[in-house]
Amino acid sequence: MSQSGNQSLGVSNDVFLPALKVGCMTGVSGVLIGGVAGIVRSSTPVLFAGASGLQCFALGSTYWAARSAILHAWQIEKVTPDDRIKASAIAGGFTGGIIGFLARGRANILPGMIMFSAFGYIGQSFYNSQVRKKAAASNNEHTHIEKSSVWKRLAESSWTPFKYISDEDYQRMLEEKLLSVEAEIALLDESIEQVRKTKGQSPTEE
């Protein structure tokens, strides 16, 4: 197989197969939503669900294929979050224009492009923000674990005067201290009681 054939096969694997998967997922969602909407509106739910499923399949597969093709065409080694936002907005506009034209005519090309471009931009921006939050939380947790392990290794070394103890050991130590303090208080109460008894039994001076 020639190099161009390998490249075309790679493009189809990177673009069309994921687009079909996304289209199937959105199509199933469209069938479910369309069926519920058809029942609520007292229409024929089967036809309503089928039409909704086809529209959602077309939207999802076309959008994902356009987005993947744009990212593949740019041939960027490492795609940045900003690149994904641009590709999502462009793919959304392309998808909205085509679906708007096929579904409702020329008058809906521009509104569909604007609306779906906004959807693509906002959706990808929100997704990027969630990824950044998860990455920041993971980095903070990893840093905390690294610091804890450093202090643990330092405390467990033979030359340091400190000793590492776990939370369970620390709680056990506090409980032992508390029992010791309670025992000392009980001994003091007994001593005070004995002193009071001794004073009460001593003869009064005339």
C-alpha atoms as a PDB file:
ATOM      1  CA  MET A   1       0.000   0.000   0.000  1.00  0.00           C
ATOM      2  CA  SER A   2       1.348   3.455  -0.917  1.00  0.00           C
ATOM      3  CA  GLN A   3       2.099   6.199   1.565  1.00  0.00           C
ATOM      4  CA  SER A   4      -0.908   8.232   0.408  1.00  0.00           C
ATOM      5  CA  GLY A   5      -3.106   5.183   0.983  1.00  0.00           C
ATOM      6  CA  ASN A   6      -1.762   4.810   4.503  1.00  0.00           C
ATOM      7  CA  GLN A   7      -2.397   8.491   5.168  1.00  0.00           C
ATOM      8  CA  SER A   8      -5.982   8.296   3.882  1.00  0.00           C
ATOM      9  CA  LEU A   9      -6.587   5.214   6.007  1.00  0.00           C
ATOM     10  CA  GLY A  10      -5.171   7.027   9.026  1.00  0.00           C
ATOM     11  CA  VAL A  11      -7.397  10.027   8.363  1.00  0.00           C
ATOM     12  CA  SER A  12     -10.473   7.805   8.106  1.00  0.00           C
ATOM     13  CA  ASN A  13      -9.583   6.095  11.373  1.00  0.00           C
ATOM     14  CA  ASP A  14      -8.961   9.430  13.106  1.00  0.00           C
ATOM     15  CA  VAL A  15     -11.964  11.289  11.673  1.00  0.00           C
ATOM     16  CA  PHE A  16     -14.815   9.116  10.434  1.00  0.00           C
ATOM     17  CA  LEU A  17     -14.814   6.240  12.904  1.00  0.00           C
ATOM     18  CA  PRO A  18     -14.916   8.518  15.998  1.00  0.00           C
ATOM     19  CA  ALA A  19     -17.539  10.631  14.228  1.00  0.00           C
ATOM     20  CA  LEU A  20     -19.735   7.559  13.728  1.00  0.00           C
ATOM     21  CA  LYS A  21     -19.376   6.655  17.414  1.00  0.00           C
ATOM     22  CA  VAL A  22     -20.326  10.177  18.510  1.00  0.00           C
ATOM     23  CA  GLY A  23     -23.189  10.200  16.009  1.00  0.00           C
ATOM     24  CA  CYS A  24     -24.539   6.920  17.389  1.00  0.00           C
ATOM     25  CA  MET A  25     -24.428   8.263  20.947  1.00  0.00           C
ATOM     26  CA  THR A  26     -26.166  11.505  20.026  1.00  0.00           C
ATOM     27  CA  GLY A  27     -28.638   9.586  17.865  1.00  0.00           C
ATOM     28  CA  VAL A  28     -29.650   7.351  20.760  1.00  0.00           C
ATOM     29  CA  SER A  29     -30.088  10.436  22.941  1.00  0.00           C
ATOM     30  CA  GLY A  30     -32.205  12.010  20.215  1.00  0.00           C
ATOM     31  CA  VAL A  31     -34.424   8.924  19.994  1.00  0.00           C
ATOM     32  CA  LEU A  32     -35.031   8.953  23.744  1.00  0.00           C
ATOM     33  CA  ILE A  33     -35.701  12.686  23.901  1.00  0.00           C
ATOM     34  CA  GLY A  34     -37.843  12.583  20.760  1.00  0.00           C
ATOM     35  CA  GLY A  35     -39.914   9.697  22.101  1.00  0.00           C
ATOM     36  CA  VAL A  36     -40.634  11.543  25.328  1.00  0.00           C
ATOM     37  CA  ALA A  37     -41.436  14.745  23.435  1.00  0.00           C
ATOM     38  CA  GLY A  38     -43.706  12.844  21.056  1.00  0.00           C
ATOM     39  CA  ILE A  39     -45.676  11.340  23.927  1.00  0.00           C
ATOM     40  CA  VAL A  40     -46.024  14.717  25.640  1.00  0.00           C
ATOM     41  CA  ARG A  41     -47.189  16.433  22.449  1.00  0.00           C
ATOM     42  CA  SER A  42     -49.653  13.584  21.680  1.00  0.00           C
ATOM     43  CA  SER A  43     -47.977  12.975  18.321  1.00  0.00           C
ATOM     44  CA  THR A  44     -46.896   9.653  16.895  1.00  0.00           C
ATOM     45  CA  PRO A  45     -43.982   8.977  19.267  1.00  0.00           C
ATOM     46  CA  VAL A  46     -42.253   6.459  16.975  1.00  0.00           C
ATOM     47  CA  LEU A  47     -42.008   8.843  14.037  1.00  0.00           C
ATOM     48  CA  PHE A  48     -41.112  11.736  16.327  1.00  0.00           C
ATOM     49  CA  ALA A  49     -38.375   9.695  17.989  1.00  0.00           C
ATOM     50  CA  GLY A  50     -37.018   8.499  14.636  1.00  0.00           C
ATOM     51  CA  ALA A  51     -36.828  12.004  13.200  1.00  0.00           C
ATOM     52  CA  SER A  52     -35.208  13.343  16.332  1.00  0.00           C
ATOM     53  CA  GLY A  53     -32.701  10.486  16.355  1.00  0.00           C
ATOM     54  CA  LEU A  54     -31.726  11.097  12.723  1.00  0.00           C
ATOM     55  CA  GLN A  55     -31.269  14.824  13.316  1.00  0.00           C
ATOM     56  CA  CYS A  56     -29.157  14.251  16.417  1.00  0.00           C
ATOM     57  CA  PHE A  57     -27.099  11.610  14.605  1.00  0.00           C
ATOM     58  CA  ALA A  58     -26.466  14.037  11.756  1.00  0.00           C
ATOM     59  CA  LEU A  59     -25.537  16.826  14.163  1.00  0.00           C
ATOM     60  CA  GLY A  60     -23.210  14.744  16.299  1.00  0.00           C
ATOM     61  CA  SER A  61     -21.431  12.898  13.496  1.00  0.00           C
ATOM     62  CA  THR A  62     -21.047  15.974  11.278  1.00  0.00           C
ATOM     63  CA  TYR A  63     -19.766  18.127  14.134  1.00  0.00           C
ATOM     64  CA  TRP A  64     -17.232  15.573  15.337  1.00  0.00           C
ATOM     65  CA  ALA A  65     -16.037  14.768  11.815  1.00  0.00           C
ATOM     66  CA  ALA A  66     -15.553  18.458  11.033  1.00  0.00           C
ATOM     67  CA  ARG A  67     -13.762  19.083  14.328  1.00  0.00           C
ATOM     68  CA  SER A  68     -11.449  16.086  13.900  1.00  0.00           C
ATOM     69  CA  ALA A  69     -10.728  17.006  10.274  1.00  0.00           C
ATOM     70  CA  ILE A  70      -9.818  20.564  11.270  1.00  0.00           C
ATOM     71  CA  LEU A  71      -7.425  19.414  13.987  1.00  0.00           C
ATOM     72  CA  HIS A  72      -5.910  16.839  11.622  1.00  0.00           C
ATOM     73  CA  ALA A  73      -5.525  19.416   8.840  1.00  0.00           C
ATOM     74  CA  TRP A  74      -3.648  21.811  11.111  1.00  0.00           C
ATOM     75  CA  GLN A  75      -1.077  19.052  11.726  1.00  0.00           C
ATOM     76  CA  ILE A  76      -0.180  20.324  15.178  1.00  0.00           C
ATOM     77  CA  GLU A  77       2.054  18.007  17.172  1.00  0.00           C
ATOM     78  CA  LYS A  78       0.542  19.016  20.489  1.00  0.00           C
ATOM     79  CA  VAL A  79      -2.935  20.530  20.316  1.00  0.00           C
ATOM     80  CA  THR A  80      -3.454  23.261  22.903  1.00  0.00           C
ATOM     81  CA  PRO A  81      -6.772  23.974  24.665  1.00  0.00           C
ATOM     82  CA  ASP A  82      -7.104  27.176  22.615  1.00  0.00           C
ATOM     83  CA  ASP A  83      -6.706  25.165  19.408  1.00  0.00           C
ATOM     84  CA  ARG A  84      -9.519  22.871  20.525  1.00  0.00           C
ATOM     85  CA  ILE A  85     -11.752  25.869  21.243  1.00  0.00           C
ATOM     86  CA  LYS A  86     -11.110  27.311  17.762  1.00  0.00           C
ATOM     87  CA  ALA A  87     -11.701  23.944  16.084  1.00  0.00           C
ATOM     88  CA  SER A  88     -14.908  23.381  18.066  1.00  0.00           C
ATOM     89  CA  ALA A  89     -16.259  26.815  17.154  1.00  0.00           C
ATOM     90  CA  ILE A  90     -15.440  26.371  13.464  1.00  0.00           C
ATOM     91  CA  ALA A  91     -16.894  22.849  13.398  1.00  0.00           C
ATOM     92  CA  GLY A  92     -20.014  24.079  15.182  1.00  0.00           C
ATOM     93  CA  GLY A  93     -20.527  26.823  12.609  1.00  0.00           C
ATOM     94  CA  PHE A  94     -19.992  24.403   9.716  1.00  0.00           C
ATOM     95  CA  THR A  95     -22.399  21.868  11.205  1.00  0.00           C
ATOM     96  CA  GLY A  96     -25.043  24.461  12.065  1.00  0.00           C
ATOM     97  CA  GLY A  97     -24.942  25.911   8.540  1.00  0.00           C
ATOM     98  CA  ILE A  98     -25.299  22.542   6.814  1.00  0.00           C
ATOM     99  CA  ILE A  99     -28.007  21.165   9.094  1.00  0.00           C
ATOM    100  CA  GLY A 100     -29.884  24.463   9.039  1.00  0.00           C
ATOM    101  CA  PHE A 101     -29.839  24.483   5.228  1.00  0.00           C
ATOM    102  CA  LEU A 102     -30.890  20.836   4.877  1.00  0.00           C
ATOM    103  CA  ALA A 103     -33.594  21.001   7.547  1.00  0.00           C
ATOM    104  CA  ARG A 104     -35.113  24.438   7.042  1.00  0.00           C
ATOM    105  CA  GLY A 105     -33.691  26.092   3.942  1.00  0.00           C
ATOM    106  CA  ARG A 106     -31.277  28.890   3.114  1.00  0.00           C
ATOM    107  CA  ALA A 107     -32.757  31.331   5.588  1.00  0.00           C
ATOM    108  CA  ASN A 108     -31.446  29.243   8.484  1.00  0.00           C
ATOM    109  CA  ILE A 109     -27.828  28.907   7.313  1.00  0.00           C
ATOM    110  CA  LEU A 110     -26.494  32.016   9.055  1.00  0.00           C
ATOM    111  CA  PRO A 111     -28.521  31.614  12.291  1.00  0.00           C
ATOM    112  CA  GLY A 112     -27.464  27.965  12.469  1.00  0.00           C
ATOM    113  CA  MET A 113     -23.805  28.872  11.957  1.00  0.00           C
ATOM    114  CA  ILE A 114     -23.895  31.541  14.677  1.00  0.00           C
ATOM    115  CA  MET A 115     -25.811  29.439  17.180  1.00  0.00           C
ATOM    116  CA  PHE A 116     -23.745  26.264  16.795  1.00  0.00           C
ATOM    117  CA  SER A 117     -20.478  28.208  16.718  1.00  0.00           C
ATOM    118  CA  ALA A 118     -21.440  29.637  20.102  1.00  0.00           C
ATOM    119  CA  PHE A 119     -22.374  26.164  21.342  1.00  0.00           C
ATOM    120  CA  GLY A 120     -19.034  24.752  20.216  1.00  0.00           C
ATOM    121  CA  TYR A 121     -17.066  27.618  21.727  1.00  0.00           C
ATOM    122  CA  ILE A 122     -18.901  27.597  25.065  1.00  0.00           C
ATOM    123  CA  GLY A 123     -18.958  23.808  25.363  1.00  0.00           C
ATOM    124  CA  GLN A 124     -15.240  23.392  24.656  1.00  0.00           C
ATOM    125  CA  SER A 125     -14.351  26.288  26.974  1.00  0.00           C
ATOM    126  CA  PHE A 126     -16.369  24.723  29.792  1.00  0.00           C
ATOM    127  CA  TYR A 127     -14.756  21.331  29.180  1.00  0.00           C
ATOM    128  CA  ASN A 128     -11.274  22.879  29.223  1.00  0.00           C
ATOM    129  CA  SER A 129     -12.008  24.632  32.515  1.00  0.00           C
ATOM    130  CA  GLN A 130     -13.120  21.356  34.103  1.00  0.00           C
ATOM    131  CA  VAL A 131      -9.961  19.626  32.866  1.00  0.00           C
ATOM    132  CA  ARG A 132      -7.822  22.412  34.333  1.00  0.00           C
ATOM    133  CA  LYS A 133      -9.602  22.143  37.694  1.00  0.00           C
ATOM    134  CA  LYS A 134      -9.090  18.381  37.814  1.00  0.00           C
ATOM    135  CA  ALA A 135      -5.437  18.762  36.842  1.00  0.00           C
ATOM    136  CA  ALA A 136      -4.896  21.426  39.511  1.00  0.00           C
ATOM    137  CA  ALA A 137      -6.567  19.260  42.153  1.00  0.00           C
ATOM    138  CA  SER A 138      -4.477  16.269  41.101  1.00  0.00           C
ATOM    139  CA  ASN A 139      -1.281  18.342  41.236  1.00  0.00           C
ATOM    140  CA  ASN A 140      -2.153  19.664  44.698  1.00  0.00           C
ATOM    141  CA  GLU A 141      -2.844  16.151  45.955  1.00  0.00           C
ATOM    142  CA  HIS A 142       0.382  14.864  44.398  1.00  0.00           C
ATOM    143  CA  THR A 143       2.350  17.729  45.955  1.00  0.00           C
ATOM    144  CA  HIS A 144       0.780  17.044  49.359  1.00  0.00           C
ATOM    145  CA  ILE A 145       1.677  13.356  49.081  1.00  0.00           C
ATOM    146  CA  GLU A 146       5.249  14.218  48.095  1.00  0.00           C
ATOM    147  CA  LYS A 147       5.634  16.609  51.024  1.00  0.00           C
ATOM    148  CA  SER A 148       4.171  14.038  53.411  1.00  0.00           C
ATOM    149  CA  SER A 149       6.528  11.352  52.127  1.00  0.00           C
ATOM    150  CA  VAL A 150       9.527  13.692  52.492  1.00  0.00           C
ATOM    151  CA  TRP A 151       8.646  14.469  56.117  1.00  0.00           C
ATOM    152  CA  LYS A 152       8.020  10.778  56.756  1.00  0.00           C
ATOM    153  CA  ARG A 153      11.420   9.766  55.379  1.00  0.00           C
ATOM    154  CA  LEU A 154      13.059  12.562  57.351  1.00  0.00           C
ATOM    155  CA  ALA A 155      11.375  11.511  60.592  1.00  0.00           C
ATOM    156  CA  GLU A 156      12.198   7.842  60.067  1.00  0.00           C
ATOM    157  CA  SER A 157      15.907   8.486  59.528  1.00  0.00           C
ATOM    158  CA  SER A 158      18.244   7.401  62.332  1.00  0.00           C
ATOM    159  CA  TRP A 159      19.992  10.725  62.847  1.00  0.00           C
ATOM    160  CA  THR A 160      16.929  12.944  63.294  1.00  0.00           C
ATOM    161  CA  PRO A 161      15.542  13.556  66.817  1.00  0.00           C
ATOM    162  CA  PHE A 162      11.969  13.447  65.476  1.00  0.00           C
ATOM    163  CA  LYS A 163       9.799  10.412  65.101  1.00  0.00           C
ATOM    164  CA  TYR A 164       7.062   9.868  62.565  1.00  0.00           C
ATOM    165  CA  ILE A 165       3.735   8.672  63.963  1.00  0.00           C
ATOM    166  CA  SER A 166       0.513   7.920  62.171  1.00  0.00           C
ATOM    167  CA  ASP A 167      -2.875   9.375  63.068  1.00  0.00           C
ATOM    168  CA  GLU A 168      -3.851   6.119  64.805  1.00  0.00           C
ATOM    169  CA  ASP A 169      -0.680   6.146  66.911  1.00  0.00           C
ATOM    170  CA  TYR A 170      -1.208   9.784  67.818  1.00  0.00           C
ATOM    171  CA  GLN A 171      -4.809   9.082  68.869  1.00  0.00           C
ATOM    172  CA  ARG A 172      -3.625   6.122  70.953  1.00  0.00           C
ATOM    173  CA  MET A 173      -1.030   8.332  72.661  1.00  0.00           C
ATOM    174  CA  LEU A 174      -3.662  10.941  73.493  1.00  0.00           C
ATOM    175  CA  GLU A 175      -5.962   8.278  74.939  1.00  0.00           C
ATOM    176  CA  GLU A 176      -3.112   6.953  77.123  1.00  0.00           C
ATOM    177  CA  LYS A 177      -2.317  10.481  78.320  1.00  0.00           C
ATOM    178  CA  LEU A 178      -5.990  11.035  79.099  1.00  0.00           C
ATOM    179  CA  LEU A 179      -6.170   7.803  81.112  1.00  0.00           C
ATOM    180  CA  SER A 180      -3.005   8.795  82.999  1.00  0.00           C
ATOM    181  CA  VAL A 181      -4.461  12.226  83.826  1.00  0.00           C
ATOM    182  CA  GLU A 182      -7.742  10.661  84.956  1.00  0.00           C
ATOM    183  CA  ALA A 183      -5.822   8.254  87.218  1.00  0.00           C
ATOM    184  CA  GLU A 184      -3.852  11.115  88.756  1.00  0.00           C
ATOM    185  CA  ILE A 185      -7.062  13.072  89.364  1.00  0.00           C
ATOM    186  CA  ALA A 186      -8.583  10.010  91.069  1.00  0.00           C
ATOM    187  CA  LEU A 187      -5.503   9.704  93.341  1.00  0.00           C
ATOM    188  CA  LEU A 188      -5.727  13.403  94.224  1.00  0.00           C
ATOM    189  CA  ASP A 189      -9.426  13.016  95.048  1.00  0.00           C
ATOM    190  CA  GLU A 190      -8.597  10.114  97.371  1.00  0.00           C
ATOM    191  CA  SER A 191      -5.827  12.125  99.063  1.00  0.00           C
ATOM    192  CA  ILE A 192      -8.151  15.099  99.545  1.00  0.00           C
ATOM    193  CA  GLU A 193     -10.836  12.808 100.983  1.00  0.00           C
ATOM    194  CA  GLN A 194      -8.340  11.265 103.405  1.00  0.00           C
ATOM    195  CA  VAL A 195      -7.188  14.716 104.529  1.00  0.00           C
ATOM    196  CA  ARG A 196     -10.786  15.743 105.164  1.00  0.00           C
ATOM    197  CA  LYS A 197     -11.445  12.593 107.172  1.00  0.00           C
ATOM    198  CA  THR A 198      -8.266  13.127 109.206  1.00  0.00           C
ATOM    199  CA  LYS A 199      -9.286  16.699 110.014  1.00  0.00           C
ATOM    200  CA  GLY A 200     -12.767  15.565 110.989  1.00  0.00           C
ATOM    201  CA  GLN A 201     -11.441  12.909 113.399  1.00  0.00           C
ATOM    202  CA  SER A 202      -8.808  15.173 115.107  1.00  0.00           C
ATOM    203  CA  PRO A 203      -9.869  16.430 118.686  1.00  0.00           C
ATOM    204  CA  THR A 204     -10.824  20.092 118.958  1.00  0.00           C
ATOM    205  CA  GLU A 205      -8.725  22.289 121.245  1.00  0.00           C
ATOM    206  CA  GLU A 206     -10.376  23.571 124.472  1.00  0.00           C
END
